[in-house]
C-alpha atoms as a PDB file:
ATOM      1  CA  UNK A   1     128.850 275.083  35.468  1.00  0.00           C
ATOM      2  CA  UNK A   2     130.757 272.282  37.186  1.00  0.00           C
ATOM      3  CA  UNK A   3     132.773 273.352  40.359  1.00  0.00           C
ATOM      4  CA  UNK A   4     136.372 271.926  40.485  1.00  0.00           C
ATOM      5  CA  UNK A   5     137.224 270.028  43.767  1.00  0.00           C
ATOM      6  CA  UNK A   6     138.999 272.108  46.299  1.00  0.00           C
ATOM      7  CA  UNK A   7     142.508 271.473  46.965  1.00  0.00           C
ATOM      8  CA  UNK A   8     144.118 270.474  50.206  1.00  0.00           C
ATOM      9  CA  UNK A   9     145.657 273.902  50.719  1.00  0.00           C
ATOM     10  CA  UNK A  10     142.164 275.605  49.856  1.00  0.00           C
ATOM     11  CA  UNK A  11     140.646 273.516  52.467  1.00  0.00           C
ATOM     12  CA  UNK A  12     143.292 274.204  55.116  1.00  0.00           C
ATOM     13  CA  UNK A  13     142.947 277.815  54.513  1.00  0.00           C
ATOM     14  CA  UNK A  14     139.091 277.666  54.724  1.00  0.00           C
ATOM     15  CA  UNK A  15     139.563 275.758  58.199  1.00  0.00           C
ATOM     16  CA  UNK A  16     141.930 278.285  59.656  1.00  0.00           C
ATOM     17  CA  UNK A  17     139.514 281.269  58.698  1.00  0.00           C
ATOM     18  CA  UNK A  18     136.601 279.636  60.392  1.00  0.00           C
ATOM     19  CA  UNK A  19     138.807 279.013  63.535  1.00  0.00           C
ATOM     20  CA  UNK A  20     139.703 282.824  63.607  1.00  0.00           C
ATOM     21  CA  UNK A  21     136.143 283.898  62.872  1.00  0.00           C
ATOM     22  CA  UNK A  22     134.459 281.322  65.359  1.00  0.00           C
ATOM     23  CA  UNK A  23     134.244 283.072  68.863  1.00  0.00           C
ATOM     24  CA  UNK A  24     136.119 280.885  71.426  1.00  0.00           C
ATOM     25  CA  UNK A  25     133.957 279.165  74.085  1.00  0.00           C
ATOM     26  CA  UNK A  26     133.981 281.270  77.339  1.00  0.00           C
ATOM     27  CA  UNK A  27     135.653 279.701  80.410  1.00  0.00           C
ATOM     28  CA  UNK A  28     133.143 281.576  82.514  1.00  0.00           C
ATOM     29  CA  UNK A  29     130.094 280.182  80.677  1.00  0.00           C
ATOM     30  CA  UNK A  30     131.597 276.700  81.090  1.00  0.00           C
ATOM     31  CA  UNK A  31     132.362 277.237  84.758  1.00  0.00           C
ATOM     32  CA  UNK A  32     128.693 278.451  85.403  1.00  0.00           C
ATOM     33  CA  UNK A  33     127.285 275.572  83.631  1.00  0.00           C
ATOM     34  CA  UNK A  34     129.233 273.227  85.955  1.00  0.00           C
ATOM     35  CA  UNK A  35     128.499 274.895  88.968  1.00  0.00           C
ATOM     36  CA  UNK A  36     124.844 275.390  88.170  1.00  0.00           C
ATOM     37  CA  UNK A  37     124.214 271.709  89.151  1.00  0.00           C
ATOM     38  CA  UNK A  38     122.122 270.230  91.882  1.00  0.00           C
ATOM     39  CA  UNK A  39     124.206 267.765  94.009  1.00  0.00           C
ATOM     40  CA  UNK A  40     122.636 265.181  96.171  1.00  0.00           C
ATOM     41  CA  UNK A  41     124.686 263.288  98.899  1.00  0.00           C
ATOM     42  CA  UNK A  42     124.110 260.371 101.217  1.00  0.00           C
ATOM     43  CA  UNK A  43     126.366 259.818 104.253  1.00  0.00           C
ATOM     44  CA  UNK A  44     126.304 256.904 106.835  1.00  0.00           C
ATOM     45  CA  UNK A  45     127.940 256.031 109.858  1.00  0.00           C
ATOM     46  CA  UNK A  46     128.441 252.757 111.972  1.00  0.00           C
ATOM     47  CA  UNK A  47     129.764 252.778 115.503  1.00  0.00           C
ATOM     48  CA  UNK A  48     130.649 249.580 117.400  1.00  0.00           C
ATOM     49  CA  UNK A  49     131.977 250.292 120.849  1.00  0.00           C
ATOM     50  CA  UNK A  50     132.372 247.073 122.834  1.00  0.00           C
ATOM     51  CA  UNK A  51     129.456 246.807 125.456  1.00  0.00           C
ATOM     52  CA  UNK A  52     127.455 249.797 123.936  1.00  0.00           C
ATOM     53  CA  UNK A  53     124.500 249.441 121.732  1.00  0.00           C
ATOM     54  CA  UNK A  54     125.676 249.522 117.957  1.00  0.00           C
ATOM     55  CA  UNK A  55     125.091 253.122 116.647  1.00  0.00           C
ATOM     56  CA  UNK A  56     124.053 253.796 113.345  1.00  0.00           C
ATOM     57  CA  UNK A  57     123.299 257.187 111.634  1.00  0.00           C
ATOM     58  CA  UNK A  58     122.622 258.597 108.163  1.00  0.00           C
ATOM     59  CA  UNK A  59     122.447 262.161 106.518  1.00  0.00           C
ATOM     60  CA  UNK A  60     120.990 263.021 103.166  1.00  0.00           C
ATOM     61  CA  UNK A  61     121.648 266.271 101.764  1.00  0.00           C
ATOM     62  CA  UNK A  62     120.422 268.233  98.617  1.00  0.00           C
ATOM     63  CA  UNK A  63     122.447 271.502  97.428  1.00  0.00           C
ATOM     64  CA  UNK A  64     121.099 273.796  94.859  1.00  0.00           C
ATOM     65  CA  UNK A  65     123.243 276.721  93.537  1.00  0.00           C
ATOM     66  CA  UNK A  66     122.113 280.160  93.611  1.00  0.00           C
ATOM     67  CA  UNK A  67     123.468 282.432  90.780  1.00  0.00           C
ATOM     68  CA  UNK A  68     126.636 282.064  89.364  1.00  0.00           C
ATOM     69  CA  UNK A  69     128.984 283.273  92.296  1.00  0.00           C
ATOM     70  CA  UNK A  70     129.318 280.066  94.197  1.00  0.00           C
ATOM     71  CA  UNK A  71     126.396 280.714  96.468  1.00  0.00           C
ATOM     72  CA  UNK A  72     124.469 277.518  97.406  1.00  0.00           C
ATOM     73  CA  UNK A  73     121.209 276.639  99.186  1.00  0.00           C
ATOM     74  CA  UNK A  74     121.352 273.193 100.981  1.00  0.00           C
ATOM     75  CA  UNK A  75     118.872 271.164 103.005  1.00  0.00           C
ATOM     76  CA  UNK A  76     119.703 268.113 104.794  1.00  0.00           C
ATOM     77  CA  UNK A  77     117.753 265.454 106.750  1.00  0.00           C
ATOM     78  CA  UNK A  78     118.831 262.455 109.182  1.00  0.00           C
ATOM     79  CA  UNK A  79     117.474 258.875 109.819  1.00  0.00           C
ATOM     80  CA  UNK A  80     115.396 260.448 112.768  1.00  0.00           C
ATOM     81  CA  UNK A  81     113.578 262.807 110.327  1.00  0.00           C
ATOM     82  CA  UNK A  82     111.699 259.512 109.116  1.00  0.00           C
ATOM     83  CA  UNK A  83     112.155 257.059 111.824  1.00  0.00           C
ATOM     84  CA  UNK A  84     108.771 257.705 113.413  1.00  0.00           C
ATOM     85  CA  UNK A  85     107.065 259.176 110.449  1.00  0.00           C
ATOM     86  CA  UNK A  86     107.973 262.260 108.595  1.00  0.00           C
ATOM     87  CA  UNK A  87     108.878 265.046 111.070  1.00  0.00           C
ATOM     88  CA  UNK A  88     111.365 268.097 111.515  1.00  0.00           C
ATOM     89  CA  UNK A  89     113.776 266.113 113.434  1.00  0.00           C
ATOM     90  CA  UNK A  90     117.219 266.521 111.970  1.00  0.00           C
ATOM     91  CA  UNK A  91     116.447 269.012 109.361  1.00  0.00           C
ATOM     92  CA  UNK A  92     118.888 271.606 108.574  1.00  0.00           C
ATOM     93  CA  UNK A  93     118.717 274.572 106.134  1.00  0.00           C
ATOM     94  CA  UNK A  94     122.195 276.285 104.780  1.00  0.00           C
ATOM     95  CA  UNK A  95     123.155 279.142 102.692  1.00  0.00           C
ATOM     96  CA  UNK A  96     126.730 279.192 102.013  1.00  0.00           C
ATOM     97  CA  UNK A  97     129.560 280.703  99.798  1.00  0.00           C
ATOM     98  CA  UNK A  98     132.769 278.373  99.915  1.00  0.00           C
ATOM     99  CA  UNK A  99     135.569 280.127 101.353  1.00  0.00           C
ATOM    100  CA  UNK A 100     133.412 283.297 102.329  1.00  0.00           C
ATOM    101  CA  UNK A 101     130.498 282.459 104.728  1.00  0.00           C
ATOM    102  CA  UNK A 102     127.745 279.857 105.629  1.00  0.00           C
ATOM    103  CA  UNK A 103     124.532 280.233 107.851  1.00  0.00           C
ATOM    104  CA  UNK A 104     122.817 277.174 109.149  1.00  0.00           C
ATOM    105  CA  UNK A 105     119.489 276.878 110.765  1.00  0.00           C
ATOM    106  CA  UNK A 106     118.512 273.909 112.849  1.00  0.00           C
ATOM    107  CA  UNK A 107     114.757 273.919 112.709  1.00  0.00           C
ATOM    108  CA  UNK A 108     114.076 271.579 115.633  1.00  0.00           C
ATOM    109  CA  UNK A 109     116.492 273.485 117.807  1.00  0.00           C
ATOM    110  CA  UNK A 110     115.581 276.905 116.218  1.00  0.00           C
ATOM    111  CA  UNK A 111     119.086 277.685 116.420  1.00  0.00           C
ATOM    112  CA  UNK A 112     121.253 279.567 113.844  1.00  0.00           C
ATOM    113  CA  UNK A 113     124.947 279.084 113.375  1.00  0.00           C
ATOM    114  CA  UNK A 114     127.122 281.696 111.650  1.00  0.00           C
ATOM    115  CA  UNK A 115     130.548 281.224 110.105  1.00  0.00           C
ATOM    116  CA  UNK A 116     132.832 283.641 108.330  1.00  0.00           C
ATOM    117  CA  UNK A 117     136.040 283.078 106.397  1.00  0.00           C
ATOM    118  CA  UNK A 118     138.519 285.688 105.422  1.00  0.00           C
ATOM    119  CA  UNK A 119     142.019 285.468 104.136  1.00  0.00           C
ATOM    120  CA  UNK A 120     144.672 288.305 104.782  1.00  0.00           C
ATOM    121  CA  UNK A 121     148.465 288.574 104.645  1.00  0.00           C
ATOM    122  CA  UNK A 122     150.790 288.515 107.696  1.00  0.00           C
ATOM    123  CA  UNK A 123     154.715 288.895 106.814  1.00  0.00           C
ATOM    124  CA  UNK A 124     153.647 288.372 103.041  1.00  0.00           C
ATOM    125  CA  UNK A 125     152.137 284.891 104.150  1.00  0.00           C
ATOM    126  CA  UNK A 126     148.459 284.163 103.953  1.00  0.00           C
ATOM    127  CA  UNK A 127     146.668 283.762 107.139  1.00  0.00           C
ATOM    128  CA  UNK A 128     143.174 282.138 106.912  1.00  0.00           C
ATOM    129  CA  UNK A 129     140.757 283.252 109.526  1.00  0.00           C
ATOM    130  CA  UNK A 130     137.463 281.650 110.730  1.00  0.00           C
ATOM    131  CA  UNK A 131     134.906 282.914 112.951  1.00  0.00           C
ATOM    132  CA  UNK A 132     132.059 280.707 114.213  1.00  0.00           C
ATOM    133  CA  UNK A 133     129.168 281.646 116.266  1.00  0.00           C
ATOM    134  CA  UNK A 134     126.388 279.456 117.526  1.00  0.00           C
ATOM    135  CA  UNK A 135     123.394 281.786 118.777  1.00  0.00           C
ATOM    136  CA  UNK A 136     121.474 278.870 120.812  1.00  0.00           C
ATOM    137  CA  UNK A 137     124.604 277.817 122.528  1.00  0.00           C
ATOM    138  CA  UNK A 138     125.995 281.452 122.936  1.00  0.00           C
ATOM    139  CA  UNK A 139     129.198 280.078 121.708  1.00  0.00           C
ATOM    140  CA  UNK A 140     131.922 281.738 119.733  1.00  0.00           C
ATOM    141  CA  UNK A 141     134.932 280.150 118.344  1.00  0.00           C
ATOM    142  CA  UNK A 142     137.929 281.834 116.188  1.00  0.00           C
ATOM    143  CA  UNK A 143     140.553 279.920 114.315  1.00  0.00           C
ATOM    144  CA  UNK A 144     143.678 281.019 112.384  1.00  0.00           C
ATOM    145  CA  UNK A 145     145.960 279.150 109.983  1.00  0.00           C
ATOM    146  CA  UNK A 146     149.067 280.825 109.003  1.00  0.00           C
ATOM    147  CA  UNK A 147     150.641 279.152 105.785  1.00  0.00           C
ATOM    148  CA  UNK A 148     154.353 279.642 105.563  1.00  0.00           C
ATOM    149  CA  UNK A 149     154.840 277.580 102.272  1.00  0.00           C
ATOM    150  CA  UNK A 150     153.172 274.455 101.027  1.00  0.00           C
ATOM    151  CA  UNK A 151     154.845 272.317 103.435  1.00  0.00           C
ATOM    152  CA  UNK A 152     154.611 274.119 106.650  1.00  0.00           C
ATOM    153  CA  UNK A 153     151.744 275.761 108.467  1.00  0.00           C
ATOM    154  CA  UNK A 154     150.675 276.837 111.944  1.00  0.00           C
ATOM    155  CA  UNK A 155     147.108 276.910 113.225  1.00  0.00           C
ATOM    156  CA  UNK A 156     145.505 278.194 116.650  1.00  0.00           C
ATOM    157  CA  UNK A 157     141.832 277.874 117.818  1.00  0.00           C
ATOM    158  CA  UNK A 158     140.159 279.316 120.823  1.00  0.00           C
ATOM    159  CA  UNK A 159     136.562 279.401 122.237  1.00  0.00           C
ATOM    160  CA  UNK A 160     135.936 282.868 123.518  1.00  0.00           C
ATOM    161  CA  UNK A 161     134.534 282.984 127.318  1.00  0.00           C
ATOM    162  CA  UNK A 162     135.328 279.449 128.039  1.00  0.00           C
ATOM    163  CA  UNK A 163     138.392 280.078 130.284  1.00  0.00           C
ATOM    164  CA  UNK A 164     141.897 278.481 129.387  1.00  0.00           C
ATOM    165  CA  UNK A 165     141.123 276.475 126.242  1.00  0.00           C
ATOM    166  CA  UNK A 166     142.442 276.352 122.711  1.00  0.00           C
ATOM    167  CA  UNK A 167     144.657 274.303 120.509  1.00  0.00           C
ATOM    168  CA  UNK A 168     147.986 274.893 118.775  1.00  0.00           C
ATOM    169  CA  UNK A 169     148.999 272.604 115.907  1.00  0.00           C
ATOM    170  CA  UNK A 170     151.940 272.511 113.694  1.00  0.00           C
ATOM    171  CA  UNK A 171     151.527 270.859 110.232  1.00  0.00           C
ATOM    172  CA  UNK A 172     154.485 269.493 108.089  1.00  0.00           C
ATOM    173  CA  UNK A 173     154.140 267.789 104.555  1.00  0.00           C
ATOM    174  CA  UNK A 174     157.044 265.605 103.497  1.00  0.00           C
ATOM    175  CA  UNK A 175     157.378 264.917  99.965  1.00  0.00           C
ATOM    176  CA  UNK A 176     153.917 265.745  99.261  1.00  0.00           C
ATOM    177  CA  UNK A 177     152.688 262.151 100.671  1.00  0.00           C
ATOM    178  CA  UNK A 178     153.337 262.232 104.406  1.00  0.00           C
ATOM    179  CA  UNK A 179     151.957 264.749 106.888  1.00  0.00           C
ATOM    180  CA  UNK A 180     153.153 265.016 110.461  1.00  0.00           C
ATOM    181  CA  UNK A 181     150.884 267.151 113.013  1.00  0.00           C
ATOM    182  CA  UNK A 182     151.764 267.629 116.693  1.00  0.00           C
ATOM    183  CA  UNK A 183     149.472 269.698 118.680  1.00  0.00           C
ATOM    184  CA  UNK A 184     148.978 270.928 121.985  1.00  0.00           C
ATOM    185  CA  UNK A 185     145.542 271.354 123.747  1.00  0.00           C
ATOM    186  CA  UNK A 186     145.677 274.215 126.182  1.00  0.00           C
ATOM    187  CA  UNK A 187     142.659 273.023 128.145  1.00  0.00           C
ATOM    188  CA  UNK A 188     143.815 269.698 128.912  1.00  0.00           C
ATOM    189  CA  UNK A 189     147.556 270.454 128.986  1.00  0.00           C
ATOM    190  CA  UNK A 190     148.395 267.581 126.917  1.00  0.00           C
ATOM    191  CA  UNK A 191     150.022 266.894 123.376  1.00  0.00           C
ATOM    192  CA  UNK A 192     148.496 265.085 120.479  1.00  0.00           C
ATOM    193  CA  UNK A 193     150.437 263.462 117.603  1.00  0.00           C
ATOM    194  CA  UNK A 194     149.273 262.333 114.114  1.00  0.00           C
ATOM    195  CA  UNK A 195     150.985 261.049 111.016  1.00  0.00           C
ATOM    196  CA  UNK A 196     149.240 260.331 107.869  1.00  0.00           C
ATOM    197  CA  UNK A 197     150.453 259.124 104.535  1.00  0.00           C
ATOM    198  CA  UNK A 198     149.051 259.040 101.114  1.00  0.00           C
ATOM    199  CA  UNK A 199     149.554 255.477  99.689  1.00  0.00           C
ATOM    200  CA  UNK A 200     147.386 255.592  96.541  1.00  0.00           C
ATOM    201  CA  UNK A 201     146.013 258.305  94.450  1.00  0.00           C
ATOM    202  CA  UNK A 202     142.960 258.685  96.719  1.00  0.00           C
ATOM    203  CA  UNK A 203     143.974 256.686  99.817  1.00  0.00           C
ATOM    204  CA  UNK A 204     145.577 257.727 103.009  1.00  0.00           C
ATOM    205  CA  UNK A 205     146.427 256.062 106.241  1.00  0.00           C
ATOM    206  CA  UNK A 206     146.557 257.823 109.423  1.00  0.00           C
ATOM    207  CA  UNK A 207     147.856 257.007 112.897  1.00  0.00           C
ATOM    208  CA  UNK A 208     147.210 259.296 115.925  1.00  0.00           C
ATOM    209  CA  UNK A 209     147.867 259.367 119.651  1.00  0.00           C
ATOM    210  CA  UNK A 210     146.153 261.434 122.385  1.00  0.00           C
ATOM    211  CA  UNK A 211     148.492 261.598 125.542  1.00  0.00           C
ATOM    212  CA  UNK A 212     145.640 263.043 127.695  1.00  0.00           C
ATOM    213  CA  UNK A 213     143.348 259.928 127.294  1.00  0.00           C
ATOM    214  CA  UNK A 214     145.904 257.477 125.899  1.00  0.00           C
ATOM    215  CA  UNK A 215     143.871 256.954 122.845  1.00  0.00           C
ATOM    216  CA  UNK A 216     145.582 255.248 119.893  1.00  0.00           C
ATOM    217  CA  UNK A 217     143.876 255.675 116.363  1.00  0.00           C
ATOM    218  CA  UNK A 218     144.387 253.857 113.290  1.00  0.00           C
ATOM    219  CA  UNK A 219     142.597 255.252 110.106  1.00  0.00           C
ATOM    220  CA  UNK A 220     142.113 254.275 106.387  1.00  0.00           C
ATOM    221  CA  UNK A 221     140.234 256.755 104.235  1.00  0.00           C
ATOM    222  CA  UNK A 222     139.464 256.977 100.630  1.00  0.00           C
ATOM    223  CA  UNK A 223     138.023 259.987  98.707  1.00  0.00           C
ATOM    224  CA  UNK A 224     136.902 259.251  95.247  1.00  0.00           C
ATOM    225  CA  UNK A 225     134.725 260.972  92.848  1.00  0.00           C
ATOM    226  CA  UNK A 226     133.776 257.933  91.132  1.00  0.00           C
ATOM    227  CA  UNK A 227     133.040 255.421  94.063  1.00  0.00           C
ATOM    228  CA  UNK A 228     132.358 257.877  96.756  1.00  0.00           C
ATOM    229  CA  UNK A 229     134.430 258.239 100.010  1.00  0.00           C
ATOM    230  CA  UNK A 230     134.818 256.189 103.274  1.00  0.00           C
ATOM    231  CA  UNK A 231     136.784 255.993 106.432  1.00  0.00           C
ATOM    232  CA  UNK A 232     137.473 253.220 108.565  1.00  0.00           C
ATOM    233  CA  UNK A 233     138.907 253.576 112.004  1.00  0.00           C
ATOM    234  CA  UNK A 234     139.867 251.650 115.111  1.00  0.00           C
ATOM    235  CA  UNK A 235     140.490 253.439 118.260  1.00  0.00           C
ATOM    236  CA  UNK A 236     142.471 251.698 121.100  1.00  0.00           C
ATOM    237  CA  UNK A 237     142.575 252.908 124.614  1.00  0.00           C
ATOM    238  CA  UNK A 238     145.885 252.055 126.131  1.00  0.00           C
ATOM    239  CA  UNK A 239     144.947 253.033 129.616  1.00  0.00           C
ATOM    240  CA  UNK A 240     142.378 250.193 129.941  1.00  0.00           C
ATOM    241  CA  UNK A 241     142.738 246.487 130.023  1.00  0.00           C
ATOM    242  CA  UNK A 242     143.137 244.537 126.798  1.00  0.00           C
ATOM    243  CA  UNK A 243     139.714 244.835 124.903  1.00  0.00           C
ATOM    244  CA  UNK A 244     138.174 245.097 121.519  1.00  0.00           C
ATOM    245  CA  UNK A 245     138.843 248.584 119.954  1.00  0.00           C
ATOM    246  CA  UNK A 246     136.122 251.177 119.078  1.00  0.00           C
ATOM    247  CA  UNK A 247     135.224 250.641 115.300  1.00  0.00           C
ATOM    248  CA  UNK A 248     133.839 253.542 113.159  1.00  0.00           C
ATOM    249  CA  UNK A 249     132.883 253.262 109.453  1.00  0.00           C
ATOM    250  CA  UNK A 250     131.763 256.149 107.580  1.00  0.00           C
ATOM    251  CA  UNK A 251     130.779 256.440 103.852  1.00  0.00           C
ATOM    252  CA  UNK A 252     129.610 259.026 101.587  1.00  0.00           C
ATOM    253  CA  UNK A 253     128.226 258.993  98.125  1.00  0.00           C
ATOM    254  CA  UNK A 254     127.296 262.020  95.913  1.00  0.00           C
ATOM    255  CA  UNK A 255     125.846 262.690  92.569  1.00  0.00           C
ATOM    256  CA  UNK A 256     125.125 265.627  90.477  1.00  0.00           C
ATOM    257  CA  UNK A 257     121.408 265.765  89.354  1.00  0.00           C
END
């Protein structure tokens, strides 16, 4: 018995029925698959400071997800790890959950570093708190940032047991592209000023001035998921006689494995 070809209306009804019956893909499953990826990164730094020898450094990191709750384990090595043959120099192990905590273990120094992050509300505004403790240095620092709105926030930092120290900073974002950040260093009793502007989708130019040591900094940075990230900075010391600035170039590449 020959079957008649289905009409356009019948085909549309069958398509709608399949869409209703087929279960939608779970966003949690997609997110878990995306987060369950190993990531490798390589960062390099080049410093040219007048009469001083050229300084170069490199850091390689492998990050592995642990479970589906954002927990990550990472291991990083520096160029000193292999400069004189394989060694433990520069080897750092880390367990972290972004926005919650991180634990770092410096193997050569046998030093643990703990960092905890928490968000509370003050006057119905979010207050981001950070606590950092280094066991080897017996050093504890605390920092808090109060976000009034997307354009205005105030932050304060202090190292415990170090006498008069700390920094107060106010950040203002104008039009979503320009950021103005005056800050005051309590230990140095000096003001610092910085202005940054987003010029392209992933490029930022920044100028800063430190009144304590009279350093003027000019910086260009780019953060691209496709071509990697880089930063080029020139630092002029206005208190010294006319000389070439200190030049710093940094670049980072990362890839999902």
